[in-house]
Amino acid sequence: MIRIRVTDDGTYTVYRDGTALVTGLTRAQADAVAQSIGTGLVS
């Protein structure tokens, strides 16, 4: 399962199966990463 969580500093982290994949993102960036992971697409 892919999750996006906000951190204390206001940035976002993308998790997959409980493991942090990418940190320090804006919400838009986190959404884009989560979408590409979910569809298997990398841009």
PDB file of N, CA and C in Angstrom:
ATOM      1  N   MET A   1       0.839  -1.170   0.000  1.00  0.00           N
ATOM      2  CA  MET A   1       0.000   0.000   0.000  1.00  0.00           C
ATOM      3  C   MET A   1       0.893   1.246   0.000  1.00  0.00           C
ATOM      4  N   ILE A   2       0.531   2.225  -0.770  1.00  0.00           N
ATOM      5  CA  ILE A   2       1.272   3.482  -0.858  1.00  0.00           C
ATOM      6  C   ILE A   2       0.566   4.517   0.011  1.00  0.00           C
ATOM      7  N   ARG A   3       1.354   5.195   0.842  1.00  0.00           N
ATOM      8  CA  ARG A   3       0.804   6.233   1.719  1.00  0.00           C
ATOM      9  C   ARG A   3       1.644   7.491   1.609  1.00  0.00           C
ATOM     10  N   ILE A   4       0.987   8.612   1.827  1.00  0.00           N
ATOM     11  CA  ILE A   4       1.669   9.907   1.890  1.00  0.00           C
ATOM     12  C   ILE A   4       1.379  10.487   3.263  1.00  0.00           C
ATOM     13  N   ARG A   5       2.451  10.895   3.944  1.00  0.00           N
ATOM     14  CA  ARG A   5       2.283  11.475   5.277  1.00  0.00           C
ATOM     15  C   ARG A   5       3.039  12.783   5.370  1.00  0.00           C
ATOM     16  N   VAL A   6       2.421  13.729   6.079  1.00  0.00           N
ATOM     17  CA  VAL A   6       3.073  15.016   6.310  1.00  0.00           C
ATOM     18  C   VAL A   6       4.035  14.867   7.488  1.00  0.00           C
ATOM     19  N   THR A   7       5.160  15.571   7.426  1.00  0.00           N
ATOM     20  CA  THR A   7       6.146  15.531   8.503  1.00  0.00           C
ATOM     21  C   THR A   7       6.050  16.801   9.345  1.00  0.00           C
ATOM     22  N   ASP A   8       6.812  16.831  10.425  1.00  0.00           N
ATOM     23  CA  ASP A   8       6.780  17.980  11.336  1.00  0.00           C
ATOM     24  C   ASP A   8       7.216  19.280  10.673  1.00  0.00           C
ATOM     25  N   ASP A   9       8.078  19.175   9.651  1.00  0.00           N
ATOM     26  CA  ASP A   9       8.557  20.397   8.991  1.00  0.00           C
ATOM     27  C   ASP A   9       7.660  20.834   7.826  1.00  0.00           C
ATOM     28  N   GLY A  10       6.543  20.136   7.631  1.00  0.00           N
ATOM     29  CA  GLY A  10       5.587  20.533   6.604  1.00  0.00           C
ATOM     30  C   GLY A  10       5.820  19.900   5.243  1.00  0.00           C
ATOM     31  N   THR A  11       6.864  19.082   5.113  1.00  0.00           N
ATOM     32  CA  THR A  11       7.082  18.364   3.859  1.00  0.00           C
ATOM     33  C   THR A  11       6.383  17.007   3.930  1.00  0.00           C
ATOM     34  N   TYR A  12       6.415  16.288   2.829  1.00  0.00           N
ATOM     35  CA  TYR A  12       5.697  15.020   2.741  1.00  0.00           C
ATOM     36  C   TYR A  12       6.652  13.878   2.439  1.00  0.00           C
ATOM     37  N   THR A  13       6.292  12.685   2.930  1.00  0.00           N
ATOM     38  CA  THR A  13       7.059  11.466   2.701  1.00  0.00           C
ATOM     39  C   THR A  13       6.141  10.441   2.065  1.00  0.00           C
ATOM     40  N   VAL A  14       6.662   9.741   1.072  1.00  0.00           N
ATOM     41  CA  VAL A  14       5.910   8.676   0.409  1.00  0.00           C
ATOM     42  C   VAL A  14       6.413   7.339   0.945  1.00  0.00           C
ATOM     43  N   TYR A  15       5.492   6.512   1.389  1.00  0.00           N
ATOM     44  CA  TYR A  15       5.792   5.194   1.933  1.00  0.00           C
ATOM     45  C   TYR A  15       5.171   4.115   1.065  1.00  0.00           C
ATOM     46  N   ARG A  16       5.866   2.983   0.969  1.00  0.00           N
ATOM     47  CA  ARG A  16       5.272   1.796   0.357  1.00  0.00           C
ATOM     48  C   ARG A  16       5.505   0.637   1.305  1.00  0.00           C
ATOM     49  N   ASP A  17       4.423  -0.006   1.708  1.00  0.00           N
ATOM     50  CA  ASP A  17       4.477  -1.136   2.644  1.00  0.00           C
ATOM     51  C   ASP A  17       5.267  -0.797   3.901  1.00  0.00           C
ATOM     52  N   GLY A  18       5.098   0.433   4.403  1.00  0.00           N
ATOM     53  CA  GLY A  18       5.730   0.848   5.637  1.00  0.00           C
ATOM     54  C   GLY A  18       7.154   1.354   5.514  1.00  0.00           C
ATOM     55  N   THR A  19       7.723   1.319   4.319  1.00  0.00           N
ATOM     56  CA  THR A  19       9.088   1.784   4.098  1.00  0.00           C
ATOM     57  C   THR A  19       9.064   3.142   3.404  1.00  0.00           C
ATOM     58  N   ALA A  20       9.789   4.103   3.963  1.00  0.00           N
ATOM     59  CA  ALA A  20       9.877   5.429   3.351  1.00  0.00           C
ATOM     60  C   ALA A  20      10.681   5.340   2.064  1.00  0.00           C
ATOM     61  N   LEU A  21      10.088   5.803   0.975  1.00  0.00           N
ATOM     62  CA  LEU A  21      10.762   5.782  -0.320  1.00  0.00           C
ATOM     63  C   LEU A  21      11.371   7.122  -0.674  1.00  0.00           C
ATOM     64  N   VAL A  22      10.615   8.196  -0.425  1.00  0.00           N
ATOM     65  CA  VAL A  22      11.069   9.545  -0.777  1.00  0.00           C
ATOM     66  C   VAL A  22      10.605  10.493   0.323  1.00  0.00           C
ATOM     67  N   THR A  23      11.492  11.401   0.732  1.00  0.00           N
ATOM     68  CA  THR A  23      11.154  12.369   1.774  1.00  0.00           C
ATOM     69  C   THR A  23      11.424  13.783   1.290  1.00  0.00           C
ATOM     70  N   GLY A  24      10.886  14.764   2.018  1.00  0.00           N
ATOM     71  CA  GLY A  24      11.178  16.166   1.736  1.00  0.00           C
ATOM     72  C   GLY A  24      10.450  16.737   0.539  1.00  0.00           C
ATOM     73  N   LEU A  25       9.277  16.192   0.231  1.00  0.00           N
ATOM     74  CA  LEU A  25       8.544  16.607  -0.961  1.00  0.00           C
ATOM     75  C   LEU A  25       7.439  17.599  -0.639  1.00  0.00           C
ATOM     76  N   THR A  26       7.025  18.361  -1.664  1.00  0.00           N
ATOM     77  CA  THR A  26       5.778  19.115  -1.566  1.00  0.00           C
ATOM     78  C   THR A  26       4.638  18.121  -1.753  1.00  0.00           C
ATOM     79  N   ARG A  27       3.435  18.541  -1.460  1.00  0.00           N
ATOM     80  CA  ARG A  27       2.293  17.632  -1.628  1.00  0.00           C
ATOM     81  C   ARG A  27       2.134  17.233  -3.094  1.00  0.00           C
ATOM     82  N   ALA A  28       2.299  18.184  -3.999  1.00  0.00           N
ATOM     83  CA  ALA A  28       2.159  17.878  -5.431  1.00  0.00           C
ATOM     84  C   ALA A  28       3.205  16.860  -5.873  1.00  0.00           C
ATOM     85  N   GLN A  29       4.436  17.025  -5.394  1.00  0.00           N
ATOM     86  CA  GLN A  29       5.490  16.068  -5.732  1.00  0.00           C
ATOM     87  C   GLN A  29       5.171  14.687  -5.160  1.00  0.00           C
ATOM     88  N   ALA A  30       4.703  14.655  -3.931  1.00  0.00           N
ATOM     89  CA  ALA A  30       4.369  13.382  -3.293  1.00  0.00           C
ATOM     90  C   ALA A  30       3.244  12.681  -4.043  1.00  0.00           C
ATOM     91  N   ASP A  31       2.244  13.436  -4.466  1.00  0.00           N
ATOM     92  CA  ASP A  31       1.147  12.850  -5.243  1.00  0.00           C
ATOM     93  C   ASP A  31       1.661  12.268  -6.553  1.00  0.00           C
ATOM     94  N   ALA A  32       2.563  12.992  -7.214  1.00  0.00           N
ATOM     95  CA  ALA A  32       3.110  12.517  -8.488  1.00  0.00           C
ATOM     96  C   ALA A  32       3.929  11.240  -8.296  1.00  0.00           C
ATOM     97  N   VAL A  33       4.730  11.196  -7.243  1.00  0.00           N
ATOM     98  CA  VAL A  33       5.525   9.995  -6.961  1.00  0.00           C
ATOM     99  C   VAL A  33       4.611   8.815  -6.647  1.00  0.00           C
ATOM    100  N   ALA A  34       3.621   9.038  -5.801  1.00  0.00           N
ATOM    101  CA  ALA A  34       2.696   7.961  -5.437  1.00  0.00           C
ATOM    102  C   ALA A  34       1.957   7.439  -6.662  1.00  0.00           C
ATOM    103  N   GLN A  35       1.555   8.333  -7.535  1.00  0.00           N
ATOM    104  CA  GLN A  35       0.856   7.916  -8.751  1.00  0.00           C
ATOM    105  C   GLN A  35       1.774   7.102  -9.654  1.00  0.00           C
ATOM    106  N   SER A  36       3.008   7.532  -9.825  1.00  0.00           N
ATOM    107  CA  SER A  36       3.918   6.801 -10.696  1.00  0.00           C
ATOM    108  C   SER A  36       4.289   5.444 -10.103  1.00  0.00           C
ATOM    109  N   ILE A  37       4.407   5.362  -8.791  1.00  0.00           N
ATOM    110  CA  ILE A  37       4.680   4.069  -8.152  1.00  0.00           C
ATOM    111  C   ILE A  37       3.477   3.147  -8.316  1.00  0.00           C
ATOM    112  N   GLY A  38       2.298   3.697  -8.117  1.00  0.00           N
ATOM    113  CA  GLY A  38       1.077   2.900  -8.204  1.00  0.00           C
ATOM    114  C   GLY A  38       0.802   2.366  -9.592  1.00  0.00           C
ATOM    115  N   THR A  39       1.227   3.100 -10.606  1.00  0.00           N
ATOM    116  CA  THR A  39       0.973   2.661 -11.975  1.00  0.00           C
ATOM    117  C   THR A  39       2.184   1.989 -12.608  1.00  0.00           C
ATOM    118  N   GLY A  40       3.319   2.053 -11.892  1.00  0.00           N
ATOM    119  CA  GLY A  40       4.536   1.480 -12.425  1.00  0.00           C
ATOM    120  C   GLY A  40       5.231   2.365 -13.439  1.00  0.00           C
ATOM    121  N   LEU A  41       4.776   3.603 -13.574  1.00  0.00           N
ATOM    122  CA  LEU A  41       5.370   4.543 -14.527  1.00  0.00           C
ATOM    123  C   LEU A  41       6.424   5.384 -13.847  1.00  0.00           C
ATOM    124  N   VAL A  42       7.503   5.640 -14.538  1.00  0.00           N
ATOM    125  CA  VAL A  42       8.540   6.539 -14.040  1.00  0.00           C
ATOM    126  C   VAL A  42       8.773   7.601 -15.083  1.00  0.00           C
ATOM    127  N   SER A  43       8.679   8.854 -14.679  1.00  0.00           N
ATOM    128  CA  SER A  43       8.885   9.930 -15.640  1.00  0.00           C
ATOM    129  C   SER A  43      10.154  10.678 -15.353  1.00  0.00           C
TER     130      SER A  43
END
